[in-house]
Each structure stands twice: as C-alpha cells, then as structure tokens.
Amino acid sequence: MRSTITSLVLIIVSCLILKTGSINAQTCSDAGTASAISDSVCFGDTTSLILTGYIGAIQWQSFDGSSWIDETGTGSTSDSYNITVMTTTDFRSVVTATGCLPDTSNTITINVGINPPTTTNATRCGYGQVTLTATGTGSTIKWYDVVSGGTALATGSSYTPNVAATTTFYAAAVSNGGGAAAAPMTTHSTVYTGYTRGYWFTAPSNFTITSLYVPTEASTANQSIAVLMYPPGPPPPAGTVVMGFTTLYMTQNNTTSGPISVNIPVQVGQHIAIIGNRGSDPVSNFAAINSYDSGAAFNTTIDGNTVALNRAGMQSNLTGFDPASTGLLIVAAAGQRGRIIFNYETGCESGRTPAIATVNPSDPATISAADSALCSGQSTTLTVNSINGNYTYTWSPPAGLSGTTGTVVTANPTTPTIYTVVADDGVCGYIDSLFIDVGPASVAGTASASSDTICAG
C-alpha cells in the first residue's frame, strides 16, 4: 500500500513538473500583434506586414490553402516585412525565444482588389474598324496599346479602333469607378526661378497619378519634373539624407504647358514627392538645390482625405534622397511663384489582358498623281485604282480637294500635304496615302538684253 501511494505521489509531482515546464516554455516566447500598412491592395501591389510587442526571433508565414509555408527572402524574419501579393493571402508570424517553444501571432488577410478582365478578339478584312470587348469585375475597362505603362486610349466595355494590320491591344479592369479629380498644389512664396524645390506628402489611399499639369502662369521653358517615392513607414527626421528612393517618373527640358500624360500607381502610406524646376538646373543636376525648409506648408484633398503638403528644397544629389525634404513643385517664371496640378484616379487597376484585332489581306487600292511636286497655286489630279470594282472611296483631308469621294479628284494644296484615300466595299477595306509637295509660286521676273541690235554671229 505504501509503495502504491509513493508511486501516485511521484506521478502527480512529475505531471506538475511537466505542466509547469510547459507553461514556462510557452510564456517565454511572445508573438505580439501582427498588422499591415494596408490589408486591401491592388493586383501586384506591395504592402508591409508589421509585428509589435514580440519576444524572440521572427518567422513570417503564408497560407497556401492547405498548410503554412515559411516566407523566405529579405525581410521575412524582421518585424517589418514588405510583400507583393497577386492573390488574396493569409499571413502570420511565428516567434521563438531561445530555449522556448514558439508562439504564433494573429492572422492577417491581405485582400487583392481586382483581377484582369476577359477579352474577345475581332477579325476583319483589310483596313477599317474592329470592335473589341472585355468583361471584368471592375466598374469600368481601360484600353491600352502597350502591355504596361502608357496612357489609356479609351474606357468602356468595348473599344472600336481603325486598324490597317493585325494589332494587339490590352484591357485592364478598374475598380471604384476610377474617376479623375484634380489636386491643386497651392503657390508658395519661397519658390523662385532657378531653384529646385517642391512638396512631399504621404499617400492617404491607393490611387494613380494620370497627368501632371503646369499652369499657364508658369514658364514653359525647359521644365524638369521628377516624381519620387519612399516606402511606407515613418518619414526620417527633417534634414536627414536617406538612400533607397525610387524614381517613378522623370522628364527633362519639357516645354509642354498643358497636361503631361503619365500612369504612376501610388500606394497608401508611400511618401510621394514631385519636384522640379525650370531653365538652367535640369533634373540631371539636382545637386544645386536650395536648403531644406521643414514643416507642413499647406493642406490639400486627395481621394476625400485632407493631406499635408510639406514644403522643401534639397542640397544633396538625387543619389541621396530625403523624403522629408522634397515635394510637389514646378518653378514659375521670374517674379512669380510655382505650383503643379496632378490629376489622379482612385481604386485598383488590374493586370492587362491582350485583345487581338486580326486583319486579313484585302484587294489593294493605290493612289497616283499627275504631278506630285507643285508650285503654289498649281493643282494636280489624284487617281485611285483597284481590281476591286465594288470599292467606294473617301478622300482626306478635304481642304484643297475638289471633292472627297470618287476615283478621281483634283488637289490644289497651299502647303505640302499627305492625301489619304480609304477604300471600302462593306466587307473589306484598304488605305493608301500620297505626299504632294508644294513650293513657292514661280516668278517670271523681267527679261532684258545688254544690246537689242547685234551683227550676225
């Protein structure tokens, strides 16, 4: 009996030791709290996972639908981890202190906003219109002629361009309406001609800068503009120089006073700077920049949010970027102040899906001219010929033409002109062009002779 009691006591004590040891092993690791800079991103965007209040070594994990997989690469074992996601994914952090059992954080779901659309190709015979269509989960479709970058050619579920040869277009789905809005950057009295200065701001949401506009009161001579980005997170203290900026857009010696079309995705939390100047200090020479002027100068509204515009100048070359000392600016002409307006669209834009407009061969139609080089005031006959007797013909431009239809027209151009004819039989089409050069009018002048009577020979 005594032996049985002793055995029970030993078992109970062993269990208590094991249980106590288990409790200590669990409590010496602490996974803390996981969060994300943004838990809803656009297709292919980058966001940051943040871990706070933890004790131990970090290992971020992602869920592949059946099991948790260790993340690898830069940042996957640090408390701030930048991720690029293509589909909605769960993340968590496993934290292990030395000699302790691991502890697991809460799960963060990163939602990806929108998927690429589905497109329908089109085929036609020869030159003419084709109608391409696309359907997607976004509220609208944007059409492009390049697989990335560029500017939108049109919006809507269908696109009807004229094509002369087989051409690939691209459709992207856009969420949240994608409505454009203007964000005026207020003038600032410390901005002068010849200096490079600007404003920086922290993006309050995901949006896309679609155009940059220099108001008419600013000089149009050699404007230089750079759009820069520093990753999400607290900006460094004023006056510090931090490496690691990304140039999202740069143009040098631009003379356009109207909108400059761009396509610059901006993500929530990024520090966006638009800096520039005019004249003798182009973007490639940003070392000569006025001193930093700290503090929030003005507020503006971006995507319904009040955003502080921090005024700044730089004294360092662009190889060292200070996101707290750069910003939004185009310098005005002498005696004036500078500002810039950028247009933007909110919401997500998907990857682009190709849509192919296939053009099959058609009967050619060829223009000929009685004379392709004219003096001012002269005219020539333009004729189009084809083996297709069902073609009807439309000529352009109409200025200087005797008519815009038919196989033969008379052209009386006043300047060098390219005339184009479009042939169409209702099924197939063809296009051809011809250049007519126009020189100054002939001048007869005055004839004279040194003697009007001479001997033979």
Protein backbone atom coordinates (compact mmCIF):
# COMPACT_ATOMS: atom_id res chain seq x y z
CA MET A 1 0.00 0.00 0.00
CA ARG A 2 2.83 2.37 0.92
CA SER A 3 4.51 1.61 -2.40
CA THR A 4 1.31 2.41 -4.32
CA ILE A 5 0.91 5.79 -2.56
CA THR A 6 4.55 6.64 -3.25
CA SER A 7 4.07 5.85 -6.94
CA LEU A 8 0.98 8.05 -7.13
CA VAL A 9 2.83 10.93 -5.46
CA LEU A 10 5.72 10.61 -7.92
CA ILE A 11 3.31 10.55 -10.88
CA ILE A 12 1.48 13.68 -9.65
CA VAL A 13 4.78 15.51 -8.98
CA SER A 14 6.10 14.51 -12.42
CA CYS A 15 2.90 15.79 -14.05
CA LEU A 16 3.16 19.08 -12.19
CA ILE A 17 6.79 19.47 -13.24
CA LEU A 18 5.94 18.71 -16.85
CA LYS A 19 2.94 21.03 -16.83
CA THR A 20 4.86 23.82 -15.10
CA GLY A 21 7.73 23.42 -17.57
CA SER A 22 5.26 23.57 -20.45
CA ILE A 23 3.73 26.78 -19.14
CA ASN A 24 7.17 28.41 -18.78
CA ALA A 25 8.19 27.30 -22.27
CA GLN A 26 5.06 28.85 -23.81
CA THR A 27 5.22 32.13 -21.94
CA CYS A 28 8.88 32.98 -22.65
CA SER A 29 8.07 33.41 -26.40
CA ASP A 30 5.59 36.14 -27.31
CA ALA A 31 4.36 36.61 -30.87
CA GLY A 32 2.95 40.06 -30.16
CA THR A 33 0.47 41.61 -32.59
CA ALA A 34 0.61 41.44 -36.38
CA SER A 35 -0.85 44.19 -38.57
CA ALA A 36 -0.50 45.55 -42.11
CA ILE A 37 0.04 49.03 -43.54
CA SER A 38 -2.86 48.14 -45.85
CA ASP A 39 -4.85 44.91 -45.78
CA SER A 40 -6.53 45.66 -49.11
CA VAL A 41 -4.25 46.21 -52.10
CA CYS A 42 -4.43 46.28 -55.85
CA PHE A 43 -3.28 43.42 -58.05
CA GLY A 44 0.53 43.16 -57.82
CA ASP A 45 0.84 45.94 -55.23
CA THR A 46 3.22 45.93 -52.27
CA THR A 47 2.25 46.37 -48.63
CA SER A 48 4.09 45.95 -45.31
CA LEU A 49 3.41 43.48 -42.51
CA ILE A 50 4.26 44.88 -39.06
CA LEU A 51 4.87 42.96 -35.82
CA THR A 52 4.86 44.72 -32.44
CA GLY A 53 5.18 43.63 -28.79
CA TYR A 54 7.02 40.39 -29.59
CA ILE A 55 9.76 38.48 -27.72
CA GLY A 56 12.01 36.16 -29.74
CA ALA A 57 13.09 35.52 -33.31
CA ILE A 58 10.54 36.13 -36.07
CA GLN A 59 9.49 33.91 -38.95
CA TRP A 60 6.69 35.18 -41.23
CA GLN A 61 4.49 32.53 -42.82
CA SER A 62 1.88 32.49 -45.59
CA PHE A 63 -1.00 30.06 -46.07
CA ASP A 64 -1.09 28.26 -49.43
CA GLY A 65 -4.60 26.87 -48.98
CA SER A 66 -3.58 23.71 -47.16
CA SER A 67 -0.56 24.49 -44.97
CA TRP A 68 1.53 27.33 -43.57
CA ILE A 69 4.76 27.96 -45.50
CA ASP A 70 7.81 29.86 -44.21
CA GLU A 71 8.40 33.04 -46.16
CA THR A 72 11.95 33.49 -47.46
CA GLY A 73 13.99 36.39 -48.73
CA THR A 74 14.74 39.88 -47.48
CA GLY A 75 12.60 40.93 -44.53
CA SER A 76 10.87 37.60 -43.91
CA THR A 77 12.43 37.39 -40.42
CA SER A 78 12.14 41.07 -39.44
CA ASP A 79 9.33 42.96 -37.72
CA SER A 80 8.62 44.97 -40.89
CA TYR A 81 8.15 42.76 -43.94
CA ASN A 82 7.35 44.11 -47.42
CA ILE A 83 5.24 41.73 -49.52
CA THR A 84 3.92 41.79 -53.08
CA VAL A 85 0.72 39.79 -53.45
CA MET A 86 -1.03 38.62 -56.61
CA THR A 87 -3.99 36.93 -54.91
CA THR A 88 -5.74 37.19 -51.53
CA THR A 89 -3.42 35.53 -48.96
CA ASP A 90 -3.26 34.93 -45.17
CA PHE A 91 -0.07 35.77 -43.24
CA ARG A 92 1.09 35.24 -39.65
CA SER A 93 4.30 35.36 -37.63
CA VAL A 94 5.82 32.57 -35.54
CA VAL A 95 8.13 33.90 -32.80
CA THR A 96 10.59 31.74 -30.88
CA ALA A 97 12.72 32.86 -27.93
CA THR A 98 15.91 30.91 -27.14
CA GLY A 99 15.14 27.71 -25.25
CA CYS A 100 11.39 28.25 -25.51
CA LEU A 101 8.53 26.85 -27.51
CA PRO A 102 7.28 29.04 -30.42
CA ASP A 103 4.31 31.38 -30.16
CA THR A 104 2.04 32.23 -33.10
CA SER A 105 0.59 35.67 -33.84
CA ASN A 106 -2.86 36.58 -35.11
CA THR A 107 -3.58 36.01 -38.81
CA ILE A 108 -3.60 38.95 -41.26
CA THR A 109 -5.54 38.59 -44.51
CA ILE A 110 -4.24 40.68 -47.40
CA ASN A 111 -7.07 41.11 -49.90
CA VAL A 112 -6.22 41.67 -53.58
CA GLY A 113 -8.69 44.08 -55.11
CA ILE A 114 -9.31 43.14 -58.72
CA ASN A 115 -8.49 40.53 -61.35
CA PRO A 116 -7.70 41.05 -65.05
CA PRO A 117 -10.70 41.10 -67.43
CA THR A 118 -11.66 38.57 -70.09
CA THR A 119 -11.36 39.86 -73.65
CA THR A 120 -12.89 38.93 -77.00
CA ASN A 121 -10.79 39.23 -80.17
CA ALA A 122 -12.05 40.54 -83.52
CA THR A 123 -11.23 39.91 -87.18
CA ARG A 124 -11.84 41.92 -90.33
CA CYS A 125 -10.75 42.09 -93.96
CA GLY A 126 -8.31 44.91 -94.69
CA TYR A 127 -8.30 48.41 -93.21
CA GLY A 128 -11.23 49.57 -91.11
CA GLN A 129 -12.90 49.41 -87.72
CA VAL A 130 -12.90 46.44 -85.38
CA THR A 131 -14.82 46.18 -82.10
CA LEU A 132 -13.01 44.54 -79.20
CA THR A 133 -14.85 43.72 -75.97
CA ALA A 134 -13.84 42.97 -72.40
CA THR A 135 -15.64 41.99 -69.20
CA GLY A 136 -14.26 42.20 -65.68
CA THR A 137 -15.11 42.63 -62.03
CA GLY A 138 -14.24 46.33 -62.03
CA SER A 139 -16.69 49.12 -62.68
CA THR A 140 -15.03 50.05 -65.96
CA ILE A 141 -12.46 48.87 -68.52
CA LYS A 142 -9.43 50.84 -69.72
CA TRP A 143 -7.84 50.11 -73.12
CA TYR A 144 -4.12 50.39 -73.94
CA ASP A 145 -1.81 49.65 -76.87
CA VAL A 146 1.09 48.55 -74.61
CA VAL A 147 1.31 45.72 -72.09
CA SER A 148 2.42 48.07 -69.27
CA GLY A 149 2.76 51.81 -68.76
CA GLY A 150 1.46 54.17 -71.42
CA THR A 151 -1.81 56.05 -71.23
CA ALA A 152 -5.34 54.79 -71.74
CA LEU A 153 -6.70 55.00 -75.29
CA ALA A 154 -10.34 54.65 -74.24
CA THR A 155 -12.62 53.45 -71.45
CA GLY A 156 -15.65 51.18 -71.59
CA SER A 157 -16.51 47.54 -72.16
CA SER A 158 -15.88 47.87 -75.91
CA TYR A 159 -13.25 49.63 -78.00
CA THR A 160 -13.56 50.32 -81.74
CA PRO A 161 -10.28 51.44 -83.35
CA ASN A 162 -9.31 51.65 -87.02
CA VAL A 163 -6.61 49.12 -87.92
CA ALA A 164 -4.62 48.51 -91.08
CA ALA A 165 -2.68 45.47 -89.86
CA THR A 166 -3.05 42.86 -87.14
CA THR A 167 -2.64 44.73 -83.83
CA THR A 168 -2.68 43.71 -80.17
CA PHE A 169 -4.48 45.94 -77.68
CA TYR A 170 -4.76 45.44 -73.91
CA ALA A 171 -7.68 45.77 -71.49
CA ALA A 172 -7.49 46.41 -67.74
CA ALA A 173 -10.31 46.33 -65.20
CA VAL A 174 -10.62 49.31 -62.84
CA SER A 175 -12.42 49.27 -59.50
CA ASN A 176 -14.10 52.08 -57.57
CA GLY A 177 -15.07 53.96 -60.70
CA GLY A 178 -11.62 55.30 -61.47
CA GLY A 179 -12.95 58.86 -61.61
CA ALA A 180 -10.40 61.57 -62.29
CA ALA A 181 -10.01 64.54 -59.96
CA ALA A 182 -7.66 67.50 -59.72
CA ALA A 183 -5.42 68.17 -56.74
CA PRO A 184 -4.17 71.78 -56.94
CA MET A 185 -0.87 72.48 -55.26
CA THR A 186 -1.05 75.93 -53.68
CA THR A 187 1.57 78.54 -54.60
CA HIS A 188 4.35 79.14 -52.10
CA SER A 189 6.22 82.39 -51.61
CA THR A 190 9.68 80.86 -51.10
CA VAL A 191 9.84 79.28 -54.56
CA TYR A 192 11.85 81.24 -57.11
CA THR A 193 13.09 80.77 -60.64
CA GLY A 194 16.31 78.79 -60.94
CA TYR A 195 15.85 76.73 -57.77
CA THR A 196 14.60 73.19 -57.45
CA ARG A 197 12.03 72.82 -54.71
CA GLY A 198 8.77 71.14 -54.03
CA TYR A 199 6.39 69.39 -51.68
CA TRP A 200 6.10 65.87 -50.37
CA PHE A 201 3.04 64.13 -48.94
CA THR A 202 2.03 60.77 -47.54
CA ALA A 203 -0.49 58.95 -49.76
CA PRO A 204 -3.80 58.52 -47.86
CA SER A 205 -5.01 55.69 -50.14
CA ASN A 206 -4.23 53.79 -53.31
CA PHE A 207 -4.56 55.93 -56.43
CA THR A 208 -2.93 56.50 -59.81
CA ILE A 209 -1.45 59.79 -61.00
CA THR A 210 -2.72 60.14 -64.58
CA SER A 211 -1.30 63.51 -65.61
CA LEU A 212 0.92 66.36 -64.46
CA TYR A 213 -0.09 69.89 -65.37
CA VAL A 214 1.90 73.11 -65.27
CA PRO A 215 -0.46 76.12 -65.02
CA THR A 216 -0.18 78.78 -67.72
CA GLU A 217 1.33 81.32 -65.33
CA ALA A 218 4.40 79.12 -65.01
CA SER A 219 7.25 79.32 -67.51
CA THR A 220 7.11 76.80 -70.36
CA ALA A 221 10.88 76.93 -70.95
CA ASN A 222 12.70 73.69 -70.06
CA GLN A 223 10.51 72.40 -67.26
CA SER A 224 12.10 69.44 -65.46
CA ILE A 225 9.94 67.16 -63.32
CA ALA A 226 10.68 64.11 -61.16
CA VAL A 227 8.15 62.01 -59.24
CA LEU A 228 9.82 60.10 -56.42
CA MET A 229 8.64 57.51 -53.90
CA TYR A 230 9.90 56.45 -50.49
CA PRO A 231 8.44 53.24 -48.98
CA PRO A 232 5.68 53.22 -46.34
CA GLY A 233 6.63 53.88 -42.74
CA PRO A 234 7.57 56.96 -40.70
CA PRO A 235 9.50 59.55 -42.72
CA PRO A 236 13.00 60.31 -41.42
CA PRO A 237 13.63 63.47 -39.37
CA ALA A 238 13.90 66.73 -41.26
CA GLY A 239 17.28 67.35 -42.79
CA THR A 240 18.45 63.74 -42.92
CA VAL A 241 19.50 62.04 -46.15
CA VAL A 242 18.18 58.54 -46.72
CA MET A 243 19.11 56.13 -49.51
CA GLY A 244 16.54 53.90 -51.16
CA PHE A 245 14.19 56.21 -53.08
CA THR A 246 12.55 55.06 -56.30
CA THR A 247 12.14 57.33 -59.33
CA LEU A 248 8.61 56.73 -60.57
CA TYR A 249 8.75 59.32 -63.36
CA MET A 250 11.25 61.80 -64.75
CA THR A 251 11.19 64.22 -67.66
CA GLN A 252 13.80 66.81 -68.52
CA ASN A 253 13.64 70.03 -70.55
CA ASN A 254 9.95 69.57 -71.22
CA THR A 255 8.25 72.56 -72.89
CA THR A 256 4.65 71.38 -72.61
CA SER A 257 2.45 73.81 -70.68
CA GLY A 258 -0.60 71.52 -70.86
CA PRO A 259 -1.14 68.14 -69.17
CA ILE A 260 1.69 65.60 -69.38
CA SER A 261 0.09 62.15 -69.55
CA VAL A 262 1.55 59.65 -67.06
CA ASN A 263 0.47 56.41 -65.41
CA ILE A 264 2.00 56.30 -61.91
CA PRO A 265 0.47 53.90 -59.34
CA VAL A 266 0.64 55.22 -55.76
CA GLN A 267 0.08 53.02 -52.71
CA VAL A 268 -1.26 54.04 -49.32
CA GLY A 269 1.47 55.06 -46.89
CA GLN A 270 4.08 55.84 -49.54
CA HIS A 271 5.83 59.21 -49.31
CA ILE A 272 5.39 60.78 -52.74
CA ALA A 273 7.49 63.72 -53.88
CA ILE A 274 7.09 65.70 -57.08
CA ILE A 275 9.98 68.07 -57.56
CA GLY A 276 11.03 70.23 -60.45
CA ASN A 277 12.36 73.47 -61.77
CA ARG A 278 12.83 75.33 -65.00
CA GLY A 279 15.73 76.63 -67.02
CA SER A 280 19.37 76.19 -66.09
CA ASP A 281 19.04 73.48 -63.42
CA PRO A 282 17.62 70.37 -65.15
CA VAL A 283 16.64 67.18 -63.33
CA SER A 284 20.04 65.64 -64.09
CA ASN A 285 21.69 68.35 -61.97
CA PHE A 286 19.60 68.35 -58.80
CA ALA A 287 22.71 68.81 -56.66
CA ALA A 288 22.21 72.58 -56.77
CA ILE A 289 19.03 72.78 -54.71
CA ASN A 290 18.00 75.24 -52.02
CA SER A 291 18.16 74.35 -48.34
CA TYR A 292 15.50 72.28 -46.63
CA ASP A 293 12.52 74.22 -45.29
CA SER A 294 10.74 71.96 -42.79
CA GLY A 295 7.12 71.84 -41.76
CA ALA A 296 3.72 71.34 -43.36
CA ALA A 297 3.08 74.33 -45.60
CA PHE A 298 -0.43 73.71 -46.89
CA ASN A 299 -3.20 71.13 -46.96
CA THR A 300 -4.93 69.67 -49.97
CA THR A 301 -7.54 66.95 -50.52
CA ILE A 302 -6.67 63.64 -52.15
CA ASP A 303 -9.34 60.94 -52.51
CA GLY A 304 -11.52 62.74 -49.94
CA ASN A 305 -8.72 62.90 -47.36
CA THR A 306 -7.01 66.02 -46.04
CA VAL A 307 -3.31 65.69 -46.84
CA ALA A 308 -0.46 67.87 -45.56
CA LEU A 309 1.93 69.17 -48.22
CA ASN A 310 5.36 69.60 -46.67
CA ARG A 311 7.45 72.25 -48.40
CA ALA A 312 11.09 71.54 -49.06
CA GLY A 313 14.29 72.02 -51.02
CA MET A 314 17.34 69.77 -51.23
CA GLN A 315 21.08 70.29 -51.04
CA SER A 316 22.07 66.70 -51.83
CA ASN A 317 22.29 64.90 -55.15
CA LEU A 318 19.39 62.61 -56.06
CA THR A 319 21.55 59.59 -55.24
CA GLY A 320 20.74 60.50 -51.63
CA PHE A 321 17.01 61.05 -51.23
CA ASP A 322 15.39 62.83 -48.31
CA PRO A 323 11.64 62.11 -48.46
CA ALA A 324 11.08 64.70 -45.73
CA SER A 325 12.65 67.45 -47.80
CA THR A 326 11.31 67.11 -51.32
CA GLY A 327 7.92 67.55 -52.87
CA LEU A 328 5.48 68.94 -55.34
CA LEU A 329 6.56 71.86 -57.47
CA ILE A 330 7.11 73.47 -60.81
CA VAL A 331 9.05 76.72 -60.51
CA ALA A 332 7.41 79.70 -62.20
CA ALA A 333 8.94 82.45 -64.30
CA ALA A 334 10.97 85.25 -62.73
CA GLY A 335 8.99 87.19 -60.15
CA GLN A 336 6.28 84.51 -59.99
CA ARG A 337 5.72 81.53 -57.71
CA GLY A 338 5.41 77.88 -58.65
CA ARG A 339 2.80 75.19 -58.38
CA ILE A 340 1.76 71.96 -60.04
CA ILE A 341 -1.58 70.24 -60.52
CA PHE A 342 -1.78 66.48 -60.86
CA ASN A 343 -4.83 64.51 -61.92
CA TYR A 344 -5.42 61.14 -60.32
CA GLU A 345 -7.76 58.17 -60.31
CA THR A 346 -8.74 56.17 -57.25
CA GLY A 347 -9.23 52.44 -57.00
CA CYS A 348 -7.36 49.43 -58.31
CA GLU A 349 -6.33 48.65 -61.85
CA SER A 350 -5.79 45.03 -62.79
CA GLY A 351 -3.14 43.47 -64.95
CA ARG A 352 -3.77 43.78 -68.68
CA THR A 353 -5.32 41.12 -70.90
CA PRO A 354 -4.44 41.13 -74.62
CA ALA A 355 -7.17 41.58 -77.25
CA ILE A 356 -6.08 40.91 -80.83
CA ALA A 357 -7.51 42.72 -83.85
CA THR A 358 -6.67 40.45 -86.77
CA VAL A 359 -6.58 41.98 -90.26
CA ASN A 360 -6.78 39.62 -93.23
CA PRO A 361 -5.46 40.76 -96.67
CA SER A 362 -7.75 42.77 -98.95
CA ASP A 363 -7.51 43.98 -102.55
CA PRO A 364 -5.11 46.95 -102.67
CA ALA A 365 -6.14 50.41 -103.82
CA THR A 366 -3.31 52.67 -105.00
CA ILE A 367 -3.18 56.46 -105.41
CA SER A 368 -1.29 58.11 -108.27
CA ALA A 369 -0.82 61.80 -109.06
CA ALA A 370 -0.41 63.59 -112.38
CA ASP A 371 2.25 65.69 -110.64
CA SER A 372 3.45 65.19 -107.05
CA ALA A 373 5.51 68.41 -106.90
CA LEU A 374 3.63 71.69 -107.36
CA CYS A 375 4.27 75.37 -107.16
CA SER A 376 1.92 77.38 -105.00
CA GLY A 377 -1.32 77.96 -106.87
CA GLN A 378 -0.96 74.92 -109.12
CA SER A 379 -3.21 71.82 -108.99
CA THR A 380 -2.87 68.14 -109.81
CA THR A 381 -5.17 65.20 -110.46
CA LEU A 382 -5.27 62.33 -107.93
CA THR A 383 -6.49 58.95 -109.13
CA VAL A 384 -7.10 55.71 -107.23
CA ASN A 385 -7.10 52.30 -108.93
CA SER A 386 -8.03 48.82 -107.71
CA ILE A 387 -9.06 45.46 -109.16
CA ASN A 388 -11.99 45.55 -106.72
CA GLY A 389 -14.80 47.20 -108.67
CA ASN A 390 -17.05 47.30 -105.58
CA TYR A 391 -14.86 49.73 -103.64
CA THR A 392 -16.15 53.20 -102.78
CA TYR A 393 -13.52 55.82 -101.98
CA THR A 394 -13.27 58.55 -99.35
CA TRP A 395 -10.52 61.19 -99.60
CA SER A 396 -8.97 63.31 -96.81
CA PRO A 397 -8.13 65.94 -95.79
CA PRO A 398 -10.89 67.83 -97.61
CA ALA A 399 -9.03 71.16 -97.74
CA GLY A 400 -7.85 71.85 -101.29
CA LEU A 401 -9.77 68.93 -102.83
CA SER A 402 -12.44 69.23 -105.50
CA GLY A 403 -14.40 66.52 -103.68
CA THR A 404 -13.99 63.80 -101.05
CA THR A 405 -15.45 60.81 -102.95
CA GLY A 406 -14.86 59.12 -106.30
CA THR A 407 -11.91 57.59 -108.12
CA VAL A 408 -10.56 60.93 -109.43
CA VAL A 409 -10.26 64.25 -107.54
CA THR A 410 -8.37 67.49 -108.16
CA ALA A 411 -6.00 68.69 -105.46
CA ASN A 412 -4.93 72.32 -105.08
CA PRO A 413 -2.91 72.33 -101.83
CA THR A 414 -1.37 75.51 -100.45
CA THR A 415 1.18 73.67 -98.29
CA PRO A 416 2.88 70.24 -98.52
CA THR A 417 0.09 67.73 -97.83
CA ILE A 418 -0.40 64.00 -97.40
CA TYR A 419 -3.64 62.91 -99.09
CA THR A 420 -5.26 59.66 -97.98
CA VAL A 421 -7.93 57.52 -99.58
CA VAL A 422 -9.93 54.84 -97.77
CA ALA A 423 -11.45 52.12 -99.95
CA ASP A 424 -14.44 50.14 -98.64
CA ASP A 425 -16.80 47.60 -100.18
CA GLY A 426 -18.78 46.94 -97.00
CA VAL A 427 -16.74 43.85 -96.14
CA CYS A 428 -13.10 44.69 -96.85
CA GLY A 429 -11.12 47.90 -96.77
CA TYR A 430 -7.80 49.36 -97.81
CA ILE A 431 -5.94 52.62 -97.12
CA ASP A 432 -3.28 54.38 -99.17
CA SER A 433 -1.56 57.78 -98.97
CA LEU A 434 0.43 60.06 -101.24
CA PHE A 435 2.59 63.10 -100.44
CA ILE A 436 2.18 66.23 -102.60
CA ASP A 437 4.99 68.76 -102.23
CA VAL A 438 4.25 72.47 -102.67
CA GLY A 439 6.96 75.05 -103.30
CA PRO A 440 6.88 78.82 -103.75
CA ALA A 441 5.00 80.22 -106.73
CA SER A 442 7.01 80.69 -109.93
CA VAL A 443 8.04 84.28 -110.64
CA ALA A 444 8.65 85.22 -114.32
CA GLY A 445 10.83 88.22 -113.50
CA THR A 446 11.91 90.83 -116.13
CA ALA A 447 13.97 89.95 -119.20
CA SER A 448 16.47 92.41 -120.69
CA ALA A 449 19.49 92.41 -123.07
CA SER A 450 22.70 94.43 -123.00
CA SER A 451 22.03 95.31 -126.67
CA ASP A 452 18.93 94.72 -128.71
CA THR A 453 20.73 95.04 -132.08
CA ILE A 454 23.80 92.94 -132.99
CA CYS A 455 25.67 91.70 -136.04
CA ALA A 456 25.12 88.12 -137.20
CA GLY A 457 27.24 85.71 -135.16
